[in-house]
Amino acid sequence: MTDRRVAAAPRVGLELKRVRIALNGTELIPETSLTVRPGEVVTVMGPSGSGKSSLLAYLCGTLARVFQAGGEVWINGVDVTRLPVERRQIGILFQDDLLFPHMTVGENLLFAIPHSVDGRRRRRSLMQQALAEAGLAGTEERDPATLSGGQRARVALMRTLLAQPRAVLLDEPFSKLDEDLKASIRSFVFDHIRAQGLPTLMVTHAAEDAQAARGPVMQVGRPESRTKGSAP
């Protein structure tokens, strides 16, 4: 008998199809189509107020109604444009780590693990493994306020990854870190994203962030905005 197995379709990553955003009739993001491949980091650069964070809000489903927006968002071949936030499975990392102050470090991570992961022992094992990967083994009972800025940034990333996202958004994630921390935290974030094969869209105004990402760059806030080749 002939084996008629069909190979699984390849993951295609995060796709923006004719996405556009305006505010009070002023165009912020012109009609844009692009694909962010698994493990790739695409950077959106532009000055404050140019629509960078609004673009991320549209992708994850939290854009305020005051904006006029359109276009489709696809992840791995699935149209998520009309899905509620919690069903899109898009992780986001902000400027602030946003760790819950009323929870321990470990509880912050446990909170992110999907309910589909059964068993207290299994969930705790995933939490402890994440802390070990972040170089923070044994800190699960600590108050997040006792961690350094770099440690909090690593915990925030691990919490995002533990949620099992299908795509990741980075909203100026390194802007509030001390200069001597930025290079190591950038490497930590990008290495984990690539290792998990997650398509990632980062918005920033810092050229060094784009250079570290080593991926395509899209400039917003100017008439000639378009997707470019690799960052300089």
Protein backbone atom coordinates (compact mmCIF):
# COMPACT_ATOMS: atom_id res chain seq x y z
CA MET A 1 0.00 0.00 0.00
CA THR A 2 1.31 3.43 -0.93
CA ASP A 3 2.19 5.74 1.93
CA ARG A 4 0.29 8.97 1.20
CA ARG A 5 1.38 10.99 4.22
CA VAL A 6 1.44 14.71 3.56
CA ALA A 7 4.21 16.77 5.07
CA ALA A 8 3.09 19.39 7.57
CA ALA A 9 2.85 22.89 6.16
CA PRO A 10 5.81 25.03 7.18
CA ARG A 11 5.33 27.79 9.72
CA VAL A 12 5.16 31.11 7.92
CA GLY A 13 5.46 33.42 10.92
CA LEU A 14 3.69 36.74 11.53
CA GLU A 15 2.07 38.37 8.50
CA LEU A 16 0.73 41.90 8.16
CA LYS A 17 -1.56 42.28 5.16
CA ARG A 18 -2.41 45.84 4.08
CA VAL A 19 -2.33 47.09 7.68
CA ARG A 20 -2.91 50.84 8.02
CA ILE A 21 -3.52 53.15 11.00
CA ALA A 22 -4.70 56.76 11.17
CA LEU A 23 -5.74 59.18 13.90
CA ASN A 24 -8.23 61.97 13.25
CA GLY A 25 -7.59 61.66 9.54
CA THR A 26 -3.80 61.81 9.89
CA GLU A 27 -2.01 58.74 8.52
CA LEU A 28 0.35 57.17 11.05
CA ILE A 29 1.06 53.80 9.45
CA PRO A 30 0.59 53.76 5.67
CA GLU A 31 -0.76 50.57 4.11
CA THR A 32 1.89 48.00 4.95
CA SER A 33 2.33 44.32 4.14
CA LEU A 34 5.22 42.29 5.49
CA THR A 35 6.13 38.84 6.78
CA VAL A 36 8.21 38.20 9.87
CA ARG A 37 9.66 34.72 9.59
CA PRO A 38 10.02 32.31 12.55
CA GLY A 39 13.04 33.35 14.60
CA GLU A 40 13.39 36.66 12.77
CA VAL A 41 13.31 40.11 14.42
CA VAL A 42 11.93 42.91 12.24
CA THR A 43 12.45 46.43 13.59
CA VAL A 44 10.05 49.35 13.18
CA MET A 45 11.89 52.62 13.76
CA GLY A 46 10.56 56.13 14.10
CA PRO A 47 10.27 59.13 16.42
CA SER A 48 7.81 59.38 19.31
CA GLY A 49 4.24 59.82 18.08
CA SER A 50 4.88 58.19 14.72
CA GLY A 51 2.53 55.26 15.38
CA LYS A 52 4.99 52.54 16.41
CA SER A 53 3.21 51.50 19.61
CA SER A 54 -0.19 51.92 17.92
CA LEU A 55 0.92 49.35 15.35
CA LEU A 56 1.73 46.85 18.11
CA ALA A 57 -1.60 47.57 19.80
CA TYR A 58 -3.41 46.80 16.53
CA LEU A 59 -1.53 43.52 16.13
CA CYS A 60 -2.39 42.28 19.62
CA GLY A 61 -5.97 43.60 19.55
CA THR A 62 -5.80 46.47 22.05
CA LEU A 63 -5.84 49.53 19.77
CA ALA A 64 -8.20 52.22 21.10
CA ARG A 65 -11.34 52.91 19.08
CA VAL A 66 -10.28 56.51 18.54
CA PHE A 67 -7.89 55.24 15.85
CA GLN A 68 -8.97 54.30 12.33
CA ALA A 69 -7.29 51.03 11.36
CA GLY A 70 -7.62 48.21 8.87
CA GLY A 71 -5.82 45.25 7.39
CA GLU A 72 -5.26 41.67 8.43
CA VAL A 73 -2.98 39.97 10.96
CA TRP A 74 -2.02 36.34 10.31
CA ILE A 75 0.07 34.01 12.46
CA ASN A 76 1.34 30.73 11.01
CA GLY A 77 -1.33 30.79 8.32
CA VAL A 78 -4.23 31.66 10.65
CA ASP A 79 -6.13 34.95 10.42
CA VAL A 80 -6.28 36.36 13.98
CA THR A 81 -7.50 39.85 13.05
CA ARG A 82 -10.90 39.45 14.66
CA LEU A 83 -9.90 37.22 17.55
CA PRO A 84 -9.98 38.61 21.10
CA VAL A 85 -6.66 39.46 22.73
CA GLU A 86 -6.43 36.27 24.79
CA ARG A 87 -6.85 34.02 21.74
CA ARG A 88 -4.21 35.60 19.54
CA GLN A 89 -1.31 34.11 21.53
CA ILE A 90 0.88 37.14 20.96
CA GLY A 91 3.41 37.92 23.68
CA ILE A 92 4.51 41.49 24.31
CA LEU A 93 7.44 42.95 26.20
CA PHE A 94 7.21 46.62 27.22
CA GLN A 95 9.64 49.31 28.39
CA ASP A 96 8.66 48.48 31.98
CA ASP A 97 8.91 44.88 33.15
CA LEU A 98 5.38 45.04 34.65
CA LEU A 99 6.05 42.26 37.16
CA PHE A 100 3.19 41.94 39.64
CA PRO A 101 4.39 43.50 42.93
CA HIS A 102 2.01 41.40 45.06
CA MET A 103 3.49 38.14 43.72
CA THR A 104 6.85 36.50 44.25
CA VAL A 105 9.20 36.01 41.30
CA GLY A 106 8.05 32.41 40.96
CA GLU A 107 4.37 33.33 41.18
CA ASN A 108 4.85 35.88 38.39
CA LEU A 109 6.13 33.10 36.14
CA LEU A 110 3.53 30.55 37.20
CA PHE A 111 0.79 33.06 36.41
CA ALA A 112 1.89 33.12 32.74
CA ILE A 113 1.80 29.35 32.15
CA PRO A 114 -1.36 28.39 30.22
CA HIS A 115 -4.07 26.46 32.05
CA SER A 116 -3.64 23.70 29.46
CA VAL A 117 -0.40 22.76 31.24
CA ASP A 118 -1.73 20.42 33.92
CA GLY A 119 -0.25 19.48 37.24
CA ARG A 120 1.32 21.58 39.97
CA ARG A 121 4.61 19.68 39.72
CA ARG A 122 4.85 20.18 35.95
CA ARG A 123 4.05 23.90 36.19
CA ARG A 124 6.57 24.41 38.98
CA SER A 125 9.21 22.53 36.98
CA LEU A 126 8.68 24.87 34.00
CA MET A 127 8.97 27.89 36.28
CA GLN A 128 12.19 26.68 37.84
CA GLN A 129 13.65 25.77 34.44
CA ALA A 130 12.89 29.29 33.18
CA LEU A 131 14.64 30.85 36.17
CA ALA A 132 17.65 28.60 35.63
CA GLU A 133 17.85 29.66 31.96
CA ALA A 134 17.77 33.28 33.11
CA GLY A 135 20.61 32.67 35.58
CA LEU A 136 18.22 33.22 38.49
CA ALA A 137 17.83 29.73 39.95
CA GLY A 138 16.65 29.83 43.55
CA THR A 139 14.97 33.24 43.37
CA GLU A 140 11.39 32.00 43.10
CA GLU A 141 10.44 33.11 46.63
CA ARG A 142 11.94 36.60 46.31
CA ASP A 143 10.01 39.82 45.99
CA PRO A 144 10.50 41.24 42.44
CA ALA A 145 11.43 44.58 44.01
CA THR A 146 14.63 43.00 45.39
CA LEU A 147 15.93 42.16 41.90
CA SER A 148 18.17 44.39 39.83
CA GLY A 149 16.91 46.01 36.63
CA GLY A 150 18.65 43.42 34.48
CA GLN A 151 17.28 40.54 36.55
CA ARG A 152 13.75 41.93 36.30
CA ALA A 153 14.11 42.27 32.53
CA ARG A 154 15.12 38.61 32.27
CA VAL A 155 12.20 37.51 34.44
CA ALA A 156 9.83 39.58 32.28
CA LEU A 157 11.10 37.85 29.13
CA MET A 158 10.80 34.38 30.64
CA ARG A 159 7.25 35.19 31.75
CA THR A 160 6.41 36.20 28.18
CA LEU A 161 7.89 32.97 26.77
CA LEU A 162 6.20 30.75 29.37
CA ALA A 163 2.84 31.95 28.03
CA GLN A 164 3.69 29.95 24.87
CA PRO A 165 3.17 32.79 22.36
CA ARG A 166 3.13 32.20 18.62
CA ALA A 167 4.63 35.64 17.98
CA VAL A 168 6.33 38.29 20.10
CA LEU A 169 6.12 42.08 20.09
CA LEU A 170 8.84 44.24 21.67
CA ASP A 171 7.84 47.80 22.61
CA GLU A 172 11.06 49.74 23.34
CA PRO A 173 12.07 46.93 25.74
CA PHE A 174 15.61 48.19 26.36
CA SER A 175 15.01 51.94 26.65
CA LYS A 176 14.93 52.08 30.46
CA LEU A 177 17.92 49.85 31.11
CA ASP A 178 21.27 51.23 32.21
CA GLU A 179 23.72 51.56 29.32
CA ASP A 180 26.01 48.87 30.73
CA LEU A 181 23.11 46.38 30.79
CA LYS A 182 21.61 46.96 27.36
CA ALA A 183 24.00 44.84 25.29
CA SER A 184 23.71 41.76 27.51
CA ILE A 185 19.92 41.99 27.84
CA ARG A 186 19.52 42.49 24.08
CA SER A 187 21.55 39.34 23.46
CA PHE A 188 19.55 37.44 26.08
CA VAL A 189 16.22 38.46 24.53
CA PHE A 190 17.19 37.90 20.89
CA ASP A 191 18.93 34.58 21.60
CA HIS A 192 15.84 33.16 23.32
CA ILE A 193 13.51 34.41 20.60
CA ARG A 194 15.63 32.82 17.88
CA ALA A 195 16.05 29.57 19.84
CA GLN A 196 12.27 29.20 20.07
CA GLY A 197 11.71 30.21 16.44
CA LEU A 198 9.34 33.05 17.32
CA PRO A 199 8.54 35.74 14.72
CA THR A 200 9.19 39.07 16.45
CA LEU A 201 8.33 42.67 15.67
CA MET A 202 10.25 45.30 17.65
CA VAL A 203 9.54 49.02 17.77
CA THR A 204 12.31 51.38 18.83
CA HIS A 205 13.90 54.75 18.14
CA ALA A 206 17.40 53.44 18.93
CA ALA A 207 19.59 52.46 15.97
CA GLU A 208 21.68 50.17 18.18
CA ASP A 209 18.59 48.06 18.92
CA ALA A 210 18.00 47.55 15.20
CA GLN A 211 21.65 46.72 14.61
CA ALA A 212 21.60 44.11 17.40
CA ALA A 213 18.43 42.53 15.98
CA ARG A 214 20.20 41.86 12.65
CA GLY A 215 16.96 41.85 10.71
CA PRO A 216 14.94 44.01 8.29
CA VAL A 217 14.04 47.57 9.33
CA MET A 218 10.85 49.51 8.54
CA GLN A 219 10.95 53.27 9.00
CA VAL A 220 7.73 55.06 10.03
CA GLY A 221 7.01 58.74 10.42
CA ARG A 222 8.27 59.73 6.95
CA PRO A 223 6.51 59.65 3.55
CA GLU A 224 9.00 57.16 2.17
CA SER A 225 8.29 54.57 4.93
CA ARG A 226 8.89 51.10 3.61
CA THR A 227 10.50 47.80 4.49
CA LYS A 228 14.28 47.91 3.97
CA GLY A 229 17.00 45.32 3.92
CA SER A 230 19.18 44.37 6.82
CA ALA A 231 19.90 46.94 9.47
CA PRO A 232 23.16 48.83 8.92
